Amino acid sequence: MRKREWTQEQKRFIADNHLSMTIMQIAIALKIPRLAVGNYMRLNCLTANRSLHNKRISESLTVYTEELDDYIKENYPRLSMYDIAHNTGASRTTVAKRIHKLGLEIVCQRRFIIDNYAEIDDFIKNNYPKIGLKRIANRLHTTDEIIRRRVLAIGMEVQPKNRPRKHFFSEGEYRFICDNYQAMGYRQIAKKMGIDENAVYRFIKKNNINKIN
């Protein structure tokens, strides 16, 4: 997982408000997942205000509901219920209830990005099956099922989910990788040899084949 890069403004906001706001309030204000804010505060020895958190629970989370409603109005259906729940720390059931309470239409999970189908189709054509369904779904912030449906819709064949059969490298292939890794890199080597690039990458790591700076 890629490490999050925090801006100076985000760091300053957390440092200035961690005693007067809960982790959830900070996460909503910065539009960052609650877990990321909590991890940052823990690593930087910033203590959350537990008394404020407990007080808000006793007040039936009225302020939280208002903040959640504002977040939903701003981001739904561009973000799915799952994404909103993850970013705000609420449950998907709570998010669904608030959407219904606000009078918004519950959009089917497989239709919430219908306006982006052209962009998604172009990305799939350029990257599939070199990049798997799950990785494409993560990059486009959608689900595996939606990507699978788009692959079929544009006339491509969905590759089986089973992992490719393990490749056993011959002595000649080992020598080829050692001779060319400095100049080509593992992706170019894999393309040249017609082998899955992940297999080449694992082989290089396993055999400690390093580039010389």
Protein backbone atom coordinates (compact mmCIF):
# COMPACT_ATOMS: atom_id res chain seq x y z
CA MET A 1 0.00 0.00 0.00
CA ARG A 2 1.35 3.41 -0.97
CA LYS A 3 2.31 5.63 1.96
CA ARG A 4 0.17 8.74 2.32
CA GLU A 5 1.98 12.05 1.81
CA TRP A 6 0.75 14.71 4.23
CA THR A 7 0.85 18.37 3.23
CA GLN A 8 2.01 21.07 5.63
CA GLU A 9 -1.52 22.48 5.74
CA GLN A 10 -2.95 19.10 6.77
CA LYS A 11 -0.29 18.63 9.46
CA ARG A 12 -0.90 22.12 10.81
CA PHE A 13 -4.67 21.61 10.85
CA ILE A 14 -4.37 18.37 12.83
CA ALA A 15 -1.89 19.88 15.28
CA ASP A 16 -4.12 22.92 15.87
CA ASN A 17 -7.40 21.03 16.22
CA HIS A 18 -6.72 17.57 17.68
CA LEU A 19 -7.77 18.73 21.17
CA SER A 20 -10.87 20.61 20.07
CA MET A 21 -12.13 18.21 17.39
CA THR A 22 -12.61 14.46 17.28
CA ILE A 23 -10.72 12.28 14.82
CA MET A 24 -13.90 11.90 12.81
CA GLN A 25 -14.43 15.67 12.58
CA ILE A 26 -10.84 16.16 11.41
CA ALA A 27 -11.21 13.37 8.84
CA ILE A 28 -14.38 14.92 7.40
CA ALA A 29 -12.86 18.42 7.36
CA LEU A 30 -9.75 17.20 5.50
CA LYS A 31 -11.68 14.64 3.39
CA ILE A 32 -9.27 11.92 4.54
CA PRO A 33 -10.19 8.46 5.90
CA ARG A 34 -10.62 8.42 9.68
CA LEU A 35 -8.11 5.57 10.09
CA ALA A 36 -5.42 7.58 8.29
CA VAL A 37 -5.94 10.54 10.64
CA GLY A 38 -5.86 8.25 13.69
CA ASN A 39 -2.65 6.56 12.52
CA TYR A 40 -0.98 9.92 11.87
CA MET A 41 -1.91 11.19 15.34
CA ARG A 42 -0.64 8.01 16.99
CA LEU A 43 2.70 8.09 15.14
CA ASN A 44 3.19 11.76 16.03
CA CYS A 45 2.14 11.35 19.69
CA LEU A 46 -0.95 13.55 19.32
CA THR A 47 -3.56 12.57 21.88
CA ALA A 48 -7.22 12.57 20.85
CA ASN A 49 -9.69 14.33 23.13
CA ARG A 50 -11.60 11.33 24.51
CA SER A 51 -13.81 13.45 26.76
CA LEU A 52 -15.05 15.36 23.71
CA HIS A 53 -15.65 12.10 21.91
CA ASN A 54 -17.67 10.67 24.82
CA LYS A 55 -19.64 13.89 25.17
CA ARG A 56 -20.67 13.74 21.54
CA ILE A 57 -21.82 10.14 21.95
CA SER A 58 -24.01 11.20 24.87
CA GLU A 59 -25.51 13.96 22.70
CA SER A 60 -26.70 11.32 20.17
CA LEU A 61 -24.17 12.44 17.58
CA THR A 62 -26.27 15.41 16.41
CA VAL A 63 -23.25 17.29 15.09
CA TYR A 64 -21.94 14.12 13.48
CA THR A 65 -25.23 13.65 11.65
CA GLU A 66 -25.07 17.19 10.28
CA GLU A 67 -21.48 16.68 9.12
CA LEU A 68 -22.33 13.33 7.59
CA ASP A 69 -25.34 14.83 5.79
CA ASP A 70 -23.16 17.59 4.33
CA TYR A 71 -20.56 15.05 3.21
CA ILE A 72 -23.24 12.88 1.58
CA LYS A 73 -24.79 15.85 -0.26
CA GLU A 74 -21.38 16.85 -1.57
CA ASN A 75 -20.12 13.43 -2.66
CA TYR A 76 -23.06 11.06 -3.32
CA PRO A 77 -23.45 9.34 -5.78
CA ARG A 78 -19.97 10.20 -7.08
CA LEU A 79 -18.72 8.16 -4.14
CA SER A 80 -20.43 4.91 -3.23
CA MET A 81 -22.02 4.26 0.16
CA TYR A 82 -19.04 2.06 1.00
CA ASP A 83 -16.54 4.86 0.23
CA ILE A 84 -18.54 7.42 2.23
CA ALA A 85 -18.74 5.03 5.17
CA HIS A 86 -14.99 4.36 4.99
CA ASN A 87 -14.07 8.06 4.77
CA THR A 88 -16.35 9.21 7.60
CA GLY A 89 -16.11 6.23 9.95
CA ALA A 90 -19.86 5.60 9.81
CA SER A 91 -21.40 2.23 8.97
CA ARG A 92 -22.90 1.57 5.55
CA THR A 93 -26.28 1.10 7.21
CA THR A 94 -26.03 4.57 8.75
CA VAL A 95 -25.01 6.09 5.43
CA ALA A 96 -27.93 4.38 3.66
CA LYS A 97 -30.38 5.66 6.29
CA ARG A 98 -29.07 9.22 5.99
CA ILE A 99 -29.33 9.07 2.18
CA HIS A 100 -32.94 7.94 2.52
CA LYS A 101 -33.60 10.63 5.15
CA LEU A 102 -32.24 13.32 2.84
CA GLY A 103 -34.58 12.20 0.08
CA LEU A 104 -31.77 11.16 -2.27
CA GLU A 105 -32.23 8.27 -4.66
CA ILE A 106 -30.36 5.11 -3.72
CA VAL A 107 -28.23 4.46 -6.79
CA CYS A 108 -27.44 0.86 -7.65
CA GLN A 109 -23.79 0.09 -6.93
CA ARG A 110 -23.13 -0.93 -10.52
CA ARG A 111 -24.60 2.30 -11.93
CA PHE A 112 -23.09 5.04 -9.81
CA ILE A 113 -20.26 5.76 -12.28
CA ILE A 114 -22.32 5.57 -15.47
CA ASP A 115 -21.10 9.00 -16.59
CA ASN A 116 -17.51 7.76 -16.56
CA TYR A 117 -17.98 4.66 -18.74
CA ALA A 118 -16.11 6.14 -21.71
CA GLU A 119 -13.07 6.96 -19.55
CA ILE A 120 -13.23 3.55 -17.87
CA ASP A 121 -13.50 1.73 -21.20
CA ASP A 122 -10.43 3.54 -22.53
CA PHE A 123 -8.46 2.65 -19.42
CA ILE A 124 -9.49 -1.00 -19.72
CA LYS A 125 -8.54 -1.18 -23.40
CA ASN A 126 -5.09 0.24 -22.64
CA ASN A 127 -4.32 -1.84 -19.56
CA TYR A 128 -6.31 -5.10 -19.47
CA PRO A 129 -5.28 -7.93 -19.09
CA LYS A 130 -1.80 -6.61 -18.30
CA ILE A 131 -3.38 -5.19 -15.14
CA GLY A 132 -5.94 -7.42 -13.43
CA LEU A 133 -9.57 -6.57 -12.68
CA LYS A 134 -8.93 -5.89 -9.01
CA ARG A 135 -6.06 -3.47 -9.62
CA ILE A 136 -8.05 -1.62 -12.29
CA ALA A 137 -11.01 -1.37 -9.91
CA ASN A 138 -8.77 0.07 -7.18
CA ARG A 139 -7.28 2.67 -9.51
CA LEU A 140 -10.71 3.77 -10.75
CA HIS A 141 -12.28 3.65 -7.26
CA THR A 142 -14.99 1.18 -8.22
CA THR A 143 -15.75 -2.54 -7.87
CA ASP A 144 -14.39 -5.66 -9.58
CA GLU A 145 -17.89 -6.50 -10.83
CA ILE A 146 -18.27 -3.17 -12.65
CA ILE A 147 -14.90 -3.62 -14.38
CA ARG A 148 -15.80 -7.18 -15.35
CA ARG A 149 -19.07 -5.98 -16.91
CA ARG A 150 -17.28 -3.24 -18.85
CA VAL A 151 -14.70 -5.76 -20.14
CA LEU A 152 -17.54 -7.87 -21.55
CA ALA A 153 -19.41 -4.80 -22.85
CA ILE A 154 -16.48 -3.66 -25.00
CA GLY A 155 -16.06 -7.15 -26.47
CA MET A 156 -13.00 -8.30 -24.55
CA GLU A 157 -12.63 -11.69 -22.91
CA VAL A 158 -12.46 -11.91 -19.14
CA GLN A 159 -9.33 -13.77 -18.12
CA PRO A 160 -9.75 -16.60 -15.58
CA LYS A 161 -9.14 -15.69 -11.96
CA ASN A 162 -6.64 -18.50 -11.49
CA ARG A 163 -3.04 -17.37 -11.20
CA PRO A 164 -0.79 -18.10 -14.17
CA ARG A 165 1.16 -21.34 -13.97
CA LYS A 166 4.50 -20.90 -12.25
CA HIS A 167 7.34 -20.30 -14.69
CA PHE A 168 10.57 -22.22 -14.19
CA PHE A 169 13.50 -20.21 -15.50
CA SER A 170 16.14 -21.99 -17.53
CA GLU A 171 19.85 -21.29 -17.25
CA GLY A 172 19.71 -19.32 -20.51
CA GLU A 173 16.86 -17.14 -19.23
CA TYR A 174 18.75 -16.54 -15.97
CA ARG A 175 21.81 -15.43 -17.95
CA PHE A 176 19.68 -13.19 -20.18
CA ILE A 177 18.15 -11.46 -17.14
CA CYS A 178 21.55 -10.92 -15.50
CA ASP A 179 23.05 -9.50 -18.70
CA ASN A 180 20.20 -7.10 -19.46
CA TYR A 181 18.73 -6.06 -16.10
CA GLN A 182 21.04 -3.07 -15.80
CA ALA A 183 19.91 -1.57 -19.10
CA MET A 184 16.34 -2.78 -19.57
CA GLY A 185 14.56 -3.26 -16.27
CA TYR A 186 12.27 -6.15 -15.40
CA ARG A 187 9.23 -4.93 -17.40
CA GLN A 188 11.16 -4.71 -20.66
CA ILE A 189 12.82 -8.04 -19.96
CA ALA A 190 9.45 -9.69 -19.34
CA LYS A 191 8.07 -8.25 -22.58
CA LYS A 192 11.13 -9.37 -24.52
CA MET A 193 10.95 -12.91 -23.10
CA GLY A 194 7.15 -13.16 -23.29
CA ILE A 195 6.87 -13.92 -19.57
CA ASP A 196 4.61 -12.39 -16.94
CA GLU A 197 6.38 -9.34 -15.49
CA ASN A 198 5.46 -10.32 -11.93
CA ALA A 199 7.24 -13.64 -12.40
CA VAL A 200 10.35 -11.85 -13.62
CA TYR A 201 10.19 -9.38 -10.73
CA ARG A 202 9.92 -12.17 -8.15
CA PHE A 203 12.77 -14.08 -9.80
CA ILE A 204 15.03 -11.00 -9.66
CA LYS A 205 14.24 -10.41 -5.98
CA LYS A 206 14.65 -14.07 -5.06
CA ASN A 207 18.07 -14.27 -6.72
CA ASN A 208 19.28 -10.87 -5.42
CA ILE A 209 19.93 -9.46 -8.88
CA ASN A 210 20.58 -5.77 -8.18
CA LYS A 211 21.29 -2.79 -10.37
CA ILE A 212 24.68 -1.15 -9.99
CA ASN A 213 24.42 2.61 -9.41
